[in-house]
Amino acid sequence: MSLYFHIPFPENLPDGVWVEKFRQIEWLADKGLLGAKQPQTEYNA
């Protein structure tokens, strides 16, 4: 997360913000914008 959004300590974010940022990274990965496509699992299907 800190690599893509330049957030120095993502573990210090409130839970709601952390989940939102994680979902944004998943979306970017699904669109192929991070250099690697995320494989489909039962959690992100």
Protein backbone atom coordinates (compact mmCIF):
# COMPACT_ATOMS: atom_id res chain seq x y z
CA MET A 1 0.00 0.00 0.00
CA SER A 2 2.77 2.43 0.83
CA LEU A 3 4.39 1.58 -2.51
CA TYR A 4 1.34 2.54 -4.59
CA PHE A 5 -0.21 5.35 -2.53
CA HIS A 6 2.91 6.66 -0.76
CA ILE A 7 1.37 6.14 2.67
CA PRO A 8 4.37 5.68 4.99
CA PHE A 9 2.70 3.56 7.69
CA PRO A 10 -0.52 2.01 6.34
CA GLU A 11 -0.85 -0.16 9.45
CA ASN A 12 -1.56 3.05 11.40
CA LEU A 13 -4.60 3.94 9.28
CA PRO A 14 -8.08 3.52 10.76
CA ASP A 15 -9.68 0.23 9.68
CA GLY A 16 -12.21 1.87 7.36
CA VAL A 17 -9.57 3.88 5.51
CA TRP A 18 -7.24 0.87 5.27
CA VAL A 19 -9.98 -1.28 3.73
CA GLU A 20 -10.87 1.48 1.26
CA LYS A 21 -7.24 1.84 0.14
CA PHE A 22 -6.86 -1.94 -0.13
CA ARG A 23 -9.96 -2.13 -2.34
CA GLN A 24 -8.52 0.65 -4.52
CA ILE A 25 -5.33 -1.36 -4.97
CA GLU A 26 -7.39 -4.46 -5.85
CA TRP A 27 -9.30 -2.45 -8.45
CA LEU A 28 -6.10 -1.09 -9.97
CA ALA A 29 -4.63 -4.61 -10.07
CA ASP A 30 -7.79 -6.00 -11.71
CA LYS A 31 -7.53 -3.32 -14.41
CA GLY A 32 -3.88 -4.23 -14.99
CA LEU A 33 -2.60 -0.82 -13.92
CA LEU A 34 -0.10 -2.15 -11.40
CA GLY A 35 1.87 -4.31 -13.79
CA ALA A 36 0.33 -7.61 -12.67
CA LYS A 37 -3.23 -8.82 -12.76
CA GLN A 38 -4.60 -10.20 -9.52
CA PRO A 39 -5.77 -13.82 -9.84
CA GLN A 40 -9.45 -14.46 -9.13
CA THR A 41 -10.15 -16.07 -5.78
CA GLU A 42 -13.33 -16.73 -3.86
CA TYR A 43 -12.66 -13.54 -1.88
CA ASN A 44 -12.47 -11.11 -4.79
CA ALA A 45 -14.83 -12.81 -7.27
